[in-house]
Amino acid sequence: MNSIESKLTAFKRLLDIMDELREKCPWDRKQTIESLRYLTIEETYELCDAILDQNMDEIKGELGDLFLHLVFYSKIASETKDFDVADVLNGVCEKLIERHPHIYGDVEVKDEEEVKANWEKIKLQGKKGKKSVLSGVPNSLPAMVKSTRIQEKARGVGFDWENKNQVWNKVNEELQEFKVEVDAGSEKIEEEFGDVLFSLINYARFIGVNPEDALERTNKKFIKRFQYLETESAKDGKSLGKMTLEEMDEYWERAKVM
C-alpha cells in the first residue's frame, strides 16, 4: 500500500487539477453546487452497482468520481468563502472524535449496538433546533432505504422489538390485514401493502439482510434471465409477443441453471 506521503501527494494532485479545471474549462467553470447534485446522485448509484457486482476495479473508479465531486463542491464553496476542503475534512474529523467517546473519551461499550446507540444520542444532542430522532433521515431517500434508516434510528434510542420472532409475527399479521383489504376491494390496500413492506424491512434488519441490496440482486437476476429468454427465443425464430407462457417458461427454466 502507498505511504501516507504518497496519499497526500495524490490528494494534492486532485486539488491542483480541480483548481486548473475550474479556471480553464468552460464546463467545469460553469458548474454550481445545485448543478452537480443530480450528477452526484448518479455517481453514488454507479458506486452501489459496482459494490453489488463486487468489482473492485469499478469500485475504485467510482470512488474516484465521488472524490472528485466532494472536491468540486468544496472548491465552489471556497470561491464564495463559505468553506473549503480543509473545513470539510476537519469538520468530519471532529465529528468522528465526538461520536466515538469509547475511543477518544472514557465511555465504555460492550458491542457495536451500544456504539450505534451512543452515535444516535450524541448526534441528536448536536442537532440545533432538531429534537426528533428521525429528523436526520433525508426526505429524498428512496422509500426502502428511508424505512431502514428510520428503524435503525428508532432502535438507537431503544424503540424496537426484542427478537426476530416478534417481528416475524408482525409480518404475518400485516399480511393477513393486507389480504383482508384486497379481498374486500378496500381503499386501504395501498396503506396495508406499505405496512407489509415496512414489517418485512424490519425483519430483514433483524436477520442481518440489507433489503435494498437484496431486492437489487433479485432485479439483476431477473434481468439476466429475461434477457436470456429474449436472446435464446430469438435464435429459435420466436417472438415474445407471440409465444405462450408455457413456451417462455421453458427458456426461463433454462436461464435459471445458466
C-alpha atoms as a PDB file:
ATOM      1  CA  MET A   1       0.000   0.000   0.000  1.00  0.00           C
ATOM      2  CA  ASN A   2       1.087   3.574  -0.579  1.00  0.00           C
ATOM      3  CA  SER A   3       2.685   5.560   2.206  1.00  0.00           C
ATOM      4  CA  ILE A   4       0.938   8.498   3.849  1.00  0.00           C
ATOM      5  CA  GLU A   5       3.171  10.847   1.858  1.00  0.00           C
ATOM      6  CA  SER A   6       2.107   9.368  -1.484  1.00  0.00           C
ATOM      7  CA  LYS A   7      -1.558   9.529  -0.442  1.00  0.00           C
ATOM      8  CA  LEU A   8      -1.237  13.199   0.477  1.00  0.00           C
ATOM      9  CA  THR A   9       0.584  13.834  -2.803  1.00  0.00           C
ATOM     10  CA  ALA A  10      -2.240  12.174  -4.752  1.00  0.00           C
ATOM     11  CA  PHE A  11      -4.835  14.253  -2.889  1.00  0.00           C
ATOM     12  CA  LYS A  12      -2.908  17.457  -3.561  1.00  0.00           C
ATOM     13  CA  ARG A  13      -2.708  16.469  -7.231  1.00  0.00           C
ATOM     14  CA  LEU A  14      -6.506  16.194  -7.352  1.00  0.00           C
ATOM     15  CA  LEU A  15      -6.873  19.597  -5.676  1.00  0.00           C
ATOM     16  CA  ASP A  16      -4.440  21.163  -8.157  1.00  0.00           C
ATOM     17  CA  ILE A  17      -6.243  19.635 -11.139  1.00  0.00           C
ATOM     18  CA  MET A  18      -9.563  20.875  -9.769  1.00  0.00           C
ATOM     19  CA  ASP A  19      -8.175  24.401  -9.450  1.00  0.00           C
ATOM     20  CA  GLU A  20      -6.925  24.291 -13.034  1.00  0.00           C
ATOM     21  CA  LEU A  21     -10.172  22.890 -14.447  1.00  0.00           C
ATOM     22  CA  ARG A  22     -12.229  25.455 -12.583  1.00  0.00           C
ATOM     23  CA  GLU A  23     -10.114  28.189 -14.117  1.00  0.00           C
ATOM     24  CA  LYS A  24      -9.671  26.928 -17.689  1.00  0.00           C
ATOM     25  CA  CYS A  25     -12.513  24.537 -18.596  1.00  0.00           C
ATOM     26  CA  PRO A  26     -15.802  26.168 -19.702  1.00  0.00           C
ATOM     27  CA  TRP A  27     -17.915  23.271 -18.395  1.00  0.00           C
ATOM     28  CA  ASP A  28     -16.189  22.996 -15.025  1.00  0.00           C
ATOM     29  CA  ARG A  29     -16.232  26.768 -14.595  1.00  0.00           C
ATOM     30  CA  LYS A  30     -19.987  26.868 -15.185  1.00  0.00           C
ATOM     31  CA  GLN A  31     -20.927  24.298 -12.540  1.00  0.00           C
ATOM     32  CA  THR A  32     -22.648  25.191  -9.278  1.00  0.00           C
ATOM     33  CA  ILE A  33     -23.452  23.198  -6.174  1.00  0.00           C
ATOM     34  CA  GLU A  34     -27.002  22.854  -7.470  1.00  0.00           C
ATOM     35  CA  SER A  35     -25.993  21.701 -10.954  1.00  0.00           C
ATOM     36  CA  LEU A  36     -23.736  18.978  -9.553  1.00  0.00           C
ATOM     37  CA  ARG A  37     -26.420  17.478  -7.327  1.00  0.00           C
ATOM     38  CA  TYR A  38     -28.047  15.100  -9.816  1.00  0.00           C
ATOM     39  CA  LEU A  39     -24.644  14.055 -11.155  1.00  0.00           C
ATOM     40  CA  THR A  40     -23.519  13.167  -7.635  1.00  0.00           C
ATOM     41  CA  ILE A  41     -26.635  11.056  -7.155  1.00  0.00           C
ATOM     42  CA  GLU A  42     -25.856   9.227 -10.392  1.00  0.00           C
ATOM     43  CA  GLU A  43     -22.248   8.620  -9.366  1.00  0.00           C
ATOM     44  CA  THR A  44     -23.406   7.275  -5.995  1.00  0.00           C
ATOM     45  CA  TYR A  45     -25.697   4.751  -7.650  1.00  0.00           C
ATOM     46  CA  GLU A  46     -22.911   3.707 -10.010  1.00  0.00           C
ATOM     47  CA  LEU A  47     -20.746   3.026  -6.962  1.00  0.00           C
ATOM     48  CA  CYS A  48     -23.580   0.994  -5.459  1.00  0.00           C
ATOM     49  CA  ASP A  49     -23.800  -1.075  -8.654  1.00  0.00           C
ATOM     50  CA  ALA A  50     -20.062  -1.752  -8.557  1.00  0.00           C
ATOM     51  CA  ILE A  51     -20.302  -2.834  -4.917  1.00  0.00           C
ATOM     52  CA  LEU A  52     -23.156  -5.238  -5.673  1.00  0.00           C
ATOM     53  CA  ASP A  53     -21.123  -6.660  -8.563  1.00  0.00           C
ATOM     54  CA  GLN A  54     -18.105  -6.976  -6.234  1.00  0.00           C
ATOM     55  CA  ASN A  55     -15.973  -5.423  -8.958  1.00  0.00           C
ATOM     56  CA  MET A  56     -13.026  -3.842  -7.154  1.00  0.00           C
ATOM     57  CA  ASP A  57     -11.710  -2.057 -10.249  1.00  0.00           C
ATOM     58  CA  GLU A  58     -15.111  -0.461 -10.798  1.00  0.00           C
ATOM     59  CA  ILE A  59     -15.396   0.407  -7.095  1.00  0.00           C
ATOM     60  CA  LYS A  60     -12.008   2.124  -7.261  1.00  0.00           C
ATOM     61  CA  GLY A  61     -13.052   4.121 -10.309  1.00  0.00           C
ATOM     62  CA  GLU A  62     -16.415   5.154  -8.867  1.00  0.00           C
ATOM     63  CA  LEU A  63     -14.808   6.190  -5.587  1.00  0.00           C
ATOM     64  CA  GLY A  64     -12.526   8.420  -7.621  1.00  0.00           C
ATOM     65  CA  ASP A  65     -15.551  10.032  -9.262  1.00  0.00           C
ATOM     66  CA  LEU A  66     -17.102  10.678  -5.856  1.00  0.00           C
ATOM     67  CA  PHE A  67     -13.845  12.132  -4.551  1.00  0.00           C
ATOM     68  CA  LEU A  68     -13.898  14.492  -7.498  1.00  0.00           C
ATOM     69  CA  HIS A  69     -17.411  15.610  -6.643  1.00  0.00           C
ATOM     70  CA  LEU A  70     -16.537  16.241  -2.994  1.00  0.00           C
ATOM     71  CA  VAL A  71     -13.518  18.295  -4.009  1.00  0.00           C
ATOM     72  CA  PHE A  72     -15.654  20.095  -6.612  1.00  0.00           C
ATOM     73  CA  TYR A  73     -18.254  21.156  -4.033  1.00  0.00           C
ATOM     74  CA  SER A  74     -15.514  22.323  -1.686  1.00  0.00           C
ATOM     75  CA  LYS A  75     -13.829  24.309  -4.438  1.00  0.00           C
ATOM     76  CA  ILE A  76     -17.060  26.100  -5.349  1.00  0.00           C
ATOM     77  CA  ALA A  77     -17.742  26.902  -1.699  1.00  0.00           C
ATOM     78  CA  SER A  78     -14.216  28.261  -1.248  1.00  0.00           C
ATOM     79  CA  GLU A  79     -14.861  30.726  -4.067  1.00  0.00           C
ATOM     80  CA  THR A  80     -17.840  32.133  -2.153  1.00  0.00           C
ATOM     81  CA  LYS A  81     -15.795  31.972   1.078  1.00  0.00           C
ATOM     82  CA  ASP A  82     -18.346  29.710   2.762  1.00  0.00           C
ATOM     83  CA  PHE A  83     -15.892  26.872   3.459  1.00  0.00           C
ATOM     84  CA  ASP A  84     -13.041  24.980   1.822  1.00  0.00           C
ATOM     85  CA  VAL A  85     -11.860  21.382   1.704  1.00  0.00           C
ATOM     86  CA  ALA A  86      -9.845  21.797   4.916  1.00  0.00           C
ATOM     87  CA  ASP A  87     -13.009  22.895   6.737  1.00  0.00           C
ATOM     88  CA  VAL A  88     -14.819  19.843   5.377  1.00  0.00           C
ATOM     89  CA  LEU A  89     -12.107  17.406   6.461  1.00  0.00           C
ATOM     90  CA  ASN A  90     -11.561  18.995   9.868  1.00  0.00           C
ATOM     91  CA  GLY A  91     -15.301  19.010  10.418  1.00  0.00           C
ATOM     92  CA  VAL A  92     -15.675  15.292   9.822  1.00  0.00           C
ATOM     93  CA  CYS A  93     -12.609  14.568  11.976  1.00  0.00           C
ATOM     94  CA  GLU A  94     -14.151  16.481  14.884  1.00  0.00           C
ATOM     95  CA  LYS A  95     -17.444  14.660  14.358  1.00  0.00           C
ATOM     96  CA  LEU A  96     -15.739  11.261  14.447  1.00  0.00           C
ATOM     97  CA  ILE A  97     -13.894  12.126  17.649  1.00  0.00           C
ATOM     98  CA  GLU A  98     -17.070  13.431  19.287  1.00  0.00           C
ATOM     99  CA  ARG A  99     -19.143  10.403  18.320  1.00  0.00           C
ATOM    100  CA  HIS A 100     -16.564   7.834  19.425  1.00  0.00           C
ATOM    101  CA  PRO A 101     -16.257   8.637  23.131  1.00  0.00           C
ATOM    102  CA  HIS A 102     -15.368   4.965  23.728  1.00  0.00           C
ATOM    103  CA  ILE A 103     -12.171   5.626  21.751  1.00  0.00           C
ATOM    104  CA  TYR A 104     -11.414   9.277  22.489  1.00  0.00           C
ATOM    105  CA  GLY A 105     -13.082   9.540  25.899  1.00  0.00           C
ATOM    106  CA  ASP A 106     -13.868   7.470  28.966  1.00  0.00           C
ATOM    107  CA  VAL A 107     -17.130   5.858  27.792  1.00  0.00           C
ATOM    108  CA  GLU A 108     -17.239   2.054  27.838  1.00  0.00           C
ATOM    109  CA  VAL A 109     -19.252  -0.035  25.383  1.00  0.00           C
ATOM    110  CA  LYS A 110     -19.782  -3.782  25.181  1.00  0.00           C
ATOM    111  CA  ASP A 111     -20.700  -4.196  21.500  1.00  0.00           C
ATOM    112  CA  GLU A 112     -21.492  -2.476  18.205  1.00  0.00           C
ATOM    113  CA  GLU A 113     -25.133  -1.929  19.186  1.00  0.00           C
ATOM    114  CA  GLU A 114     -24.072   0.303  22.067  1.00  0.00           C
ATOM    115  CA  VAL A 115     -21.737   2.171  19.698  1.00  0.00           C
ATOM    116  CA  LYS A 116     -24.650   2.829  17.325  1.00  0.00           C
ATOM    117  CA  ALA A 117     -26.940   3.852  20.190  1.00  0.00           C
ATOM    118  CA  ASN A 118     -24.356   6.330  21.514  1.00  0.00           C
ATOM    119  CA  TRP A 119     -23.845   7.678  17.992  1.00  0.00           C
ATOM    120  CA  GLU A 120     -27.537   8.490  17.607  1.00  0.00           C
ATOM    121  CA  LYS A 121     -27.800  10.060  21.058  1.00  0.00           C
ATOM    122  CA  ILE A 122     -24.760  12.282  20.503  1.00  0.00           C
ATOM    123  CA  LYS A 123     -26.000  13.161  17.018  1.00  0.00           C
ATOM    124  CA  LEU A 124     -29.382  14.230  18.394  1.00  0.00           C
ATOM    125  CA  GLN A 125     -27.738  16.368  21.076  1.00  0.00           C
ATOM    126  CA  GLY A 126     -25.737  18.180  18.436  1.00  0.00           C
ATOM    127  CA  LYS A 127     -28.657  18.965  16.114  1.00  0.00           C
ATOM    128  CA  LYS A 128     -29.565  22.586  16.648  1.00  0.00           C
ATOM    129  CA  GLY A 129     -33.300  23.087  16.515  1.00  0.00           C
ATOM    130  CA  LYS A 130     -33.928  19.435  15.667  1.00  0.00           C
ATOM    131  CA  LYS A 131     -35.470  17.475  18.507  1.00  0.00           C
ATOM    132  CA  SER A 132     -36.736  14.383  16.705  1.00  0.00           C
ATOM    133  CA  VAL A 133     -34.616  11.267  16.488  1.00  0.00           C
ATOM    134  CA  LEU A 134     -35.893  10.854  12.930  1.00  0.00           C
ATOM    135  CA  SER A 135     -35.139  14.400  11.772  1.00  0.00           C
ATOM    136  CA  GLY A 136     -31.780  13.289  10.387  1.00  0.00           C
ATOM    137  CA  VAL A 137     -33.368  10.961   7.821  1.00  0.00           C
ATOM    138  CA  PRO A 138     -33.302  12.799   4.459  1.00  0.00           C
ATOM    139  CA  ASN A 139     -36.719  13.235   2.859  1.00  0.00           C
ATOM    140  CA  SER A 140     -35.328  12.464  -0.590  1.00  0.00           C
ATOM    141  CA  LEU A 141     -34.067   8.964   0.293  1.00  0.00           C
ATOM    142  CA  PRO A 142     -35.663   6.117  -1.676  1.00  0.00           C
ATOM    143  CA  ALA A 143     -38.540   4.710   0.370  1.00  0.00           C
ATOM    144  CA  MET A 144     -36.900   1.375   1.169  1.00  0.00           C
ATOM    145  CA  VAL A 145     -33.648   2.962   2.310  1.00  0.00           C
ATOM    146  CA  LYS A 146     -35.629   5.508   4.311  1.00  0.00           C
ATOM    147  CA  SER A 147     -37.568   2.748   6.091  1.00  0.00           C
ATOM    148  CA  THR A 148     -34.323   1.041   7.045  1.00  0.00           C
ATOM    149  CA  ARG A 149     -32.807   4.246   8.409  1.00  0.00           C
ATOM    150  CA  ILE A 150     -35.999   5.131  10.312  1.00  0.00           C
ATOM    151  CA  GLN A 151     -35.969   1.735  12.000  1.00  0.00           C
ATOM    152  CA  GLU A 152     -32.244   1.933  12.780  1.00  0.00           C
ATOM    153  CA  LYS A 153     -32.619   5.354  14.371  1.00  0.00           C
ATOM    154  CA  ALA A 154     -35.604   4.245  16.450  1.00  0.00           C
ATOM    155  CA  ARG A 155     -33.572   1.239  17.605  1.00  0.00           C
ATOM    156  CA  GLY A 156     -30.755   3.593  18.586  1.00  0.00           C
ATOM    157  CA  VAL A 157     -32.911   5.020  21.387  1.00  0.00           C
ATOM    158  CA  GLY A 158     -34.351   1.667  22.447  1.00  0.00           C
ATOM    159  CA  PHE A 159     -37.625   1.640  20.477  1.00  0.00           C
ATOM    160  CA  ASP A 160     -37.510  -1.793  18.883  1.00  0.00           C
ATOM    161  CA  TRP A 161     -38.725  -5.367  19.040  1.00  0.00           C
ATOM    162  CA  GLU A 162     -36.963  -7.725  21.421  1.00  0.00           C
ATOM    163  CA  ASN A 163     -36.362 -10.568  18.965  1.00  0.00           C
ATOM    164  CA  LYS A 164     -36.886 -11.653  15.366  1.00  0.00           C
ATOM    165  CA  ASN A 165     -39.782 -13.974  16.236  1.00  0.00           C
ATOM    166  CA  GLN A 166     -41.839 -10.989  17.350  1.00  0.00           C
ATOM    167  CA  VAL A 167     -41.066  -9.250  14.082  1.00  0.00           C
ATOM    168  CA  TRP A 168     -41.999 -12.331  12.041  1.00  0.00           C
ATOM    169  CA  ASN A 169     -45.325 -12.488  13.858  1.00  0.00           C
ATOM    170  CA  LYS A 170     -45.849  -8.859  12.904  1.00  0.00           C
ATOM    171  CA  VAL A 171     -45.087  -9.692   9.259  1.00  0.00           C
ATOM    172  CA  ASN A 172     -47.747 -12.384   9.281  1.00  0.00           C
ATOM    173  CA  GLU A 173     -50.212 -10.061  10.993  1.00  0.00           C
ATOM    174  CA  GLU A 174     -49.668  -7.390   8.337  1.00  0.00           C
ATOM    175  CA  LEU A 175     -50.005  -9.956   5.544  1.00  0.00           C
ATOM    176  CA  GLN A 176     -53.348 -11.080   6.922  1.00  0.00           C
ATOM    177  CA  GLU A 177     -54.577  -7.488   7.217  1.00  0.00           C
ATOM    178  CA  PHE A 178     -53.437  -6.820   3.650  1.00  0.00           C
ATOM    179  CA  LYS A 179     -55.280  -9.879   2.330  1.00  0.00           C
ATOM    180  CA  VAL A 180     -58.490  -8.819   4.090  1.00  0.00           C
ATOM    181  CA  GLU A 181     -58.366  -5.415   2.403  1.00  0.00           C
ATOM    182  CA  VAL A 182     -57.555  -6.950  -1.004  1.00  0.00           C
ATOM    183  CA  ASP A 183     -60.446  -9.408  -0.747  1.00  0.00           C
ATOM    184  CA  ALA A 184     -62.748  -6.550   0.234  1.00  0.00           C
ATOM    185  CA  GLY A 185     -61.548  -4.291  -2.573  1.00  0.00           C
ATOM    186  CA  SER A 186     -60.868  -1.683   0.091  1.00  0.00           C
ATOM    187  CA  GLU A 187     -59.369   1.774  -0.368  1.00  0.00           C
ATOM    188  CA  LYS A 188     -56.800   0.775   2.257  1.00  0.00           C
ATOM    189  CA  ILE A 189     -54.991  -1.724   0.017  1.00  0.00           C
ATOM    190  CA  GLU A 190     -52.056   0.597  -0.648  1.00  0.00           C
ATOM    191  CA  GLU A 191     -51.722   1.524   3.034  1.00  0.00           C
ATOM    192  CA  GLU A 192     -51.755  -2.105   4.125  1.00  0.00           C
ATOM    193  CA  PHE A 193     -49.261  -3.057   1.424  1.00  0.00           C
ATOM    194  CA  GLY A 194     -46.960  -0.358   2.780  1.00  0.00           C
ATOM    195  CA  ASP A 195     -47.301  -1.889   6.241  1.00  0.00           C
ATOM    196  CA  VAL A 196     -46.328  -5.293   4.832  1.00  0.00           C
ATOM    197  CA  LEU A 197     -43.203  -3.853   3.223  1.00  0.00           C
ATOM    198  CA  PHE A 198     -42.268  -1.936   6.365  1.00  0.00           C
ATOM    199  CA  SER A 199     -42.583  -5.072   8.501  1.00  0.00           C
ATOM    200  CA  LEU A 200     -40.532  -7.129   6.023  1.00  0.00           C
ATOM    201  CA  ILE A 201     -37.799  -4.483   6.042  1.00  0.00           C
ATOM    202  CA  ASN A 202     -37.879  -4.647   9.821  1.00  0.00           C
ATOM    203  CA  TYR A 203     -37.471  -8.428   9.738  1.00  0.00           C
ATOM    204  CA  ALA A 204     -34.633  -8.143   7.230  1.00  0.00           C
ATOM    205  CA  ARG A 205     -32.844  -5.833   9.642  1.00  0.00           C
ATOM    206  CA  PHE A 206     -33.200  -8.378  12.446  1.00  0.00           C
ATOM    207  CA  ILE A 207     -31.680 -11.201  10.396  1.00  0.00           C
ATOM    208  CA  GLY A 208     -28.858  -9.064   9.007  1.00  0.00           C
ATOM    209  CA  VAL A 209     -30.128  -8.641   5.440  1.00  0.00           C
ATOM    210  CA  ASN A 210     -29.954  -5.295   3.668  1.00  0.00           C
ATOM    211  CA  PRO A 211     -33.350  -5.137   1.905  1.00  0.00           C
ATOM    212  CA  GLU A 212     -32.193  -2.640  -0.733  1.00  0.00           C
ATOM    213  CA  ASP A 213     -29.238  -4.834  -1.705  1.00  0.00           C
ATOM    214  CA  ALA A 214     -31.379  -7.973  -1.623  1.00  0.00           C
ATOM    215  CA  LEU A 215     -34.012  -6.508  -3.929  1.00  0.00           C
ATOM    216  CA  GLU A 216     -31.420  -5.105  -6.318  1.00  0.00           C
ATOM    217  CA  ARG A 217     -29.717  -8.502  -6.563  1.00  0.00           C
ATOM    218  CA  THR A 218     -33.100 -10.018  -7.417  1.00  0.00           C
ATOM    219  CA  ASN A 219     -33.654  -7.276 -10.014  1.00  0.00           C
ATOM    220  CA  LYS A 220     -30.318  -8.111 -11.615  1.00  0.00           C
ATOM    221  CA  LYS A 221     -31.113 -11.827 -11.544  1.00  0.00           C
ATOM    222  CA  PHE A 222     -34.484 -11.237 -13.217  1.00  0.00           C
ATOM    223  CA  ILE A 223     -32.925  -9.004 -15.889  1.00  0.00           C
ATOM    224  CA  LYS A 224     -30.261 -11.603 -16.673  1.00  0.00           C
ATOM    225  CA  ARG A 225     -32.804 -14.410 -17.003  1.00  0.00           C
ATOM    226  CA  PHE A 226     -35.268 -12.349 -19.003  1.00  0.00           C
ATOM    227  CA  GLN A 227     -32.572 -11.228 -21.416  1.00  0.00           C
ATOM    228  CA  TYR A 228     -31.585 -14.883 -21.845  1.00  0.00           C
ATOM    229  CA  LEU A 229     -35.217 -15.615 -22.668  1.00  0.00           C
ATOM    230  CA  GLU A 230     -35.230 -12.803 -25.245  1.00  0.00           C
ATOM    231  CA  THR A 231     -31.944 -13.819 -26.856  1.00  0.00           C
ATOM    232  CA  GLU A 232     -32.466 -17.565 -26.995  1.00  0.00           C
ATOM    233  CA  SER A 233     -36.050 -17.400 -28.213  1.00  0.00           C
ATOM    234  CA  ALA A 234     -34.967 -15.004 -30.970  1.00  0.00           C
ATOM    235  CA  LYS A 235     -32.291 -17.509 -32.031  1.00  0.00           C
ATOM    236  CA  ASP A 236     -35.081 -20.042 -32.445  1.00  0.00           C
ATOM    237  CA  GLY A 237     -37.048 -17.605 -34.586  1.00  0.00           C
ATOM    238  CA  LYS A 238     -39.663 -16.922 -31.928  1.00  0.00           C
ATOM    239  CA  SER A 239     -41.186 -13.611 -30.854  1.00  0.00           C
ATOM    240  CA  LEU A 240     -42.006 -12.962 -27.189  1.00  0.00           C
ATOM    241  CA  GLY A 241     -45.318 -11.343 -28.003  1.00  0.00           C
ATOM    242  CA  LYS A 242     -46.456 -14.435 -29.902  1.00  0.00           C
ATOM    243  CA  MET A 243     -45.192 -17.101 -27.506  1.00  0.00           C
ATOM    244  CA  THR A 244     -47.335 -18.837 -24.913  1.00  0.00           C
ATOM    245  CA  LEU A 245     -46.451 -18.561 -21.242  1.00  0.00           C
ATOM    246  CA  GLU A 246     -45.534 -22.263 -21.258  1.00  0.00           C
ATOM    247  CA  GLU A 247     -43.062 -21.693 -24.102  1.00  0.00           C
ATOM    248  CA  MET A 248     -41.478 -18.757 -22.302  1.00  0.00           C
ATOM    249  CA  ASP A 249     -41.258 -20.790 -19.095  1.00  0.00           C
ATOM    250  CA  GLU A 250     -39.109 -23.350 -20.894  1.00  0.00           C
ATOM    251  CA  TYR A 251     -36.490 -20.706 -21.661  1.00  0.00           C
ATOM    252  CA  TRP A 252     -36.843 -19.262 -18.164  1.00  0.00           C
ATOM    253  CA  GLU A 253     -36.080 -22.616 -16.552  1.00  0.00           C
ATOM    254  CA  ARG A 254     -33.027 -22.967 -18.767  1.00  0.00           C
ATOM    255  CA  ALA A 255     -31.902 -19.482 -17.748  1.00  0.00           C
ATOM    256  CA  LYS A 256     -32.082 -20.441 -14.065  1.00  0.00           C
ATOM    257  CA  VAL A 257     -29.338 -23.025 -14.467  1.00  0.00           C
ATOM    258  CA  MET A 258     -27.040 -20.796 -16.510  1.00  0.00           C
END
